[in-house]
Amino acid sequence: AENALDDGWLGTSPVGSYEPNGFGLVDVAGNVWEWTSDWWDERAKARAMRGGSYLCHDSYCNRYRVGARSSNTPDTPTGNLGFRVAWDR
């Protein structure tokens, strides 16, 4: 994945800015973390997020992958967390 400082965008990049991956999919990791419907822990205080964001630092940019997981509480406002919209041509 590309680091945000190297891709030419100061924040998130527009949808479709990069070439499709080996499966023909675009925009499946990076840009913003994505909410999932899974709770992070049994206490049900935080939700799981996947994919990494443009704010990933070089020391942990290995999180730019679909399987990368982190957590956040649902009431936390942030500019690097969203949800995925899928479109089937």
C-alpha atoms as a PDB file:
ATOM      1  CA  ALA A   1       0.000   0.000   0.000  1.00  0.00           C
ATOM      2  CA  GLU A   2       1.048   3.547  -0.516  1.00  0.00           C
ATOM      3  CA  ASN A   3       1.814   5.961   2.288  1.00  0.00           C
ATOM      4  CA  ALA A   4      -0.415   9.051   2.343  1.00  0.00           C
ATOM      5  CA  LEU A   5       2.586  11.359   2.183  1.00  0.00           C
ATOM      6  CA  ASP A   6       3.730   9.718  -1.048  1.00  0.00           C
ATOM      7  CA  ASP A   7       0.436   9.453  -2.947  1.00  0.00           C
ATOM      8  CA  GLY A   8      -0.113  13.148  -3.706  1.00  0.00           C
ATOM      9  CA  TRP A   9      -3.188  13.624  -1.481  1.00  0.00           C
ATOM     10  CA  LEU A  10      -3.079  15.546   1.809  1.00  0.00           C
ATOM     11  CA  GLY A  11      -5.881  13.456   3.310  1.00  0.00           C
ATOM     12  CA  THR A  12      -8.160  10.815   1.902  1.00  0.00           C
ATOM     13  CA  SER A  13      -7.877  10.059  -1.800  1.00  0.00           C
ATOM     14  CA  PRO A  14     -10.875  10.115  -4.162  1.00  0.00           C
ATOM     15  CA  VAL A  15     -12.600   6.808  -4.888  1.00  0.00           C
ATOM     16  CA  GLY A  16     -10.939   4.976  -7.774  1.00  0.00           C
ATOM     17  CA  SER A  17      -7.557   6.730  -7.453  1.00  0.00           C
ATOM     18  CA  TYR A  18      -5.621   3.458  -7.665  1.00  0.00           C
ATOM     19  CA  GLU A  19      -5.515   0.481  -9.976  1.00  0.00           C
ATOM     20  CA  PRO A  20      -7.575  -2.642  -9.139  1.00  0.00           C
ATOM     21  CA  ASN A  21      -5.922  -5.388  -7.094  1.00  0.00           C
ATOM     22  CA  GLY A  22      -5.393  -8.942  -8.367  1.00  0.00           C
ATOM     23  CA  PHE A  23      -9.092  -9.698  -7.846  1.00  0.00           C
ATOM     24  CA  GLY A  24     -10.220  -6.644  -9.822  1.00  0.00           C
ATOM     25  CA  LEU A  25     -11.321  -4.782  -6.673  1.00  0.00           C
ATOM     26  CA  VAL A  26     -10.500  -1.157  -5.926  1.00  0.00           C
ATOM     27  CA  ASP A  27     -10.265   0.772  -2.660  1.00  0.00           C
ATOM     28  CA  VAL A  28     -10.410  -2.245  -0.341  1.00  0.00           C
ATOM     29  CA  ALA A  29      -7.757  -1.132   2.186  1.00  0.00           C
ATOM     30  CA  GLY A  30      -6.338   2.141   3.421  1.00  0.00           C
ATOM     31  CA  ASN A  31      -7.867   5.613   2.987  1.00  0.00           C
ATOM     32  CA  VAL A  32     -10.039   5.265   6.127  1.00  0.00           C
ATOM     33  CA  TRP A  33     -10.602   2.531   8.695  1.00  0.00           C
ATOM     34  CA  GLU A  34     -13.941   0.823   8.138  1.00  0.00           C
ATOM     35  CA  TRP A  35     -16.525  -0.025  10.759  1.00  0.00           C
ATOM     36  CA  THR A  36     -17.608  -3.646  11.012  1.00  0.00           C
ATOM     37  CA  SER A  37     -20.654  -5.078  12.764  1.00  0.00           C
ATOM     38  CA  ASP A  38     -18.412  -7.019  15.170  1.00  0.00           C
ATOM     39  CA  TRP A  39     -17.823  -6.025  18.773  1.00  0.00           C
ATOM     40  CA  TRP A  40     -14.117  -5.846  19.639  1.00  0.00           C
ATOM     41  CA  ASP A  41     -14.468  -7.432  23.047  1.00  0.00           C
ATOM     42  CA  GLU A  42     -16.967  -9.295  25.192  1.00  0.00           C
ATOM     43  CA  ARG A  43     -17.820  -6.172  27.217  1.00  0.00           C
ATOM     44  CA  ALA A  44     -19.323  -4.658  24.038  1.00  0.00           C
ATOM     45  CA  LYS A  45     -17.802  -1.198  24.508  1.00  0.00           C
ATOM     46  CA  ALA A  46     -15.814  -0.956  21.268  1.00  0.00           C
ATOM     47  CA  ARG A  47     -16.514  -2.002  17.689  1.00  0.00           C
ATOM     48  CA  ALA A  48     -13.984  -3.605  15.374  1.00  0.00           C
ATOM     49  CA  MET A  49     -12.535  -1.578  12.494  1.00  0.00           C
ATOM     50  CA  ARG A  50     -10.621  -2.974   9.511  1.00  0.00           C
ATOM     51  CA  GLY A  51      -8.279  -1.856   6.752  1.00  0.00           C
ATOM     52  CA  GLY A  52      -6.059   0.971   8.039  1.00  0.00           C
ATOM     53  CA  SER A  53      -6.229   4.661   7.158  1.00  0.00           C
ATOM     54  CA  TYR A  54      -4.275   7.455   5.507  1.00  0.00           C
ATOM     55  CA  LEU A  55      -3.025   8.408   8.976  1.00  0.00           C
ATOM     56  CA  CYS A  56      -1.106   5.139   9.409  1.00  0.00           C
ATOM     57  CA  HIS A  57       2.460   5.912  10.411  1.00  0.00           C
ATOM     58  CA  ASP A  58       5.415   4.217   8.679  1.00  0.00           C
ATOM     59  CA  SER A  59       6.014   2.144  11.809  1.00  0.00           C
ATOM     60  CA  TYR A  60       2.683   0.368  11.393  1.00  0.00           C
ATOM     61  CA  CYS A  61       1.737   0.765   7.732  1.00  0.00           C
ATOM     62  CA  ASN A  62       1.669  -3.015   7.636  1.00  0.00           C
ATOM     63  CA  ARG A  63      -1.953  -2.449   8.677  1.00  0.00           C
ATOM     64  CA  TYR A  64      -2.812  -1.483   5.105  1.00  0.00           C
ATOM     65  CA  ARG A  65      -4.449  -4.809   4.482  1.00  0.00           C
ATOM     66  CA  VAL A  66      -8.023  -6.023   4.525  1.00  0.00           C
ATOM     67  CA  GLY A  67      -7.394  -8.244   7.552  1.00  0.00           C
ATOM     68  CA  ALA A  68      -5.915  -5.448   9.700  1.00  0.00           C
ATOM     69  CA  ARG A  69      -8.024  -4.950  12.816  1.00  0.00           C
ATOM     70  CA  SER A  70      -8.288  -2.253  15.436  1.00  0.00           C
ATOM     71  CA  SER A  71     -11.084  -0.909  17.638  1.00  0.00           C
ATOM     72  CA  ASN A  72     -12.877   2.274  18.585  1.00  0.00           C
ATOM     73  CA  THR A  73     -15.986   3.207  20.528  1.00  0.00           C
ATOM     74  CA  PRO A  74     -19.025   3.986  18.359  1.00  0.00           C
ATOM     75  CA  ASP A  75     -19.336   7.518  19.771  1.00  0.00           C
ATOM     76  CA  THR A  76     -15.775   8.588  18.906  1.00  0.00           C
ATOM     77  CA  PRO A  77     -15.641  11.319  16.224  1.00  0.00           C
ATOM     78  CA  THR A  78     -12.744  10.944  13.802  1.00  0.00           C
ATOM     79  CA  GLY A  79     -11.941  11.829  10.200  1.00  0.00           C
ATOM     80  CA  ASN A  80     -10.194   8.569   9.370  1.00  0.00           C
ATOM     81  CA  LEU A  81     -13.039   6.115  10.002  1.00  0.00           C
ATOM     82  CA  GLY A  82     -16.018   5.310   7.795  1.00  0.00           C
ATOM     83  CA  PHE A  83     -17.880   2.476   6.129  1.00  0.00           C
ATOM     84  CA  ARG A  84     -17.676   0.659   2.797  1.00  0.00           C
ATOM     85  CA  VAL A  85     -20.124   1.167  -0.034  1.00  0.00           C
ATOM     86  CA  ALA A  86     -20.044  -1.630  -2.607  1.00  0.00           C
ATOM     87  CA  TRP A  87     -21.104  -1.308  -6.210  1.00  0.00           C
ATOM     88  CA  ASP A  88     -21.468  -4.192  -8.641  1.00  0.00           C
ATOM     89  CA  ARG A  89     -21.214  -3.082 -12.239  1.00  0.00           C
END
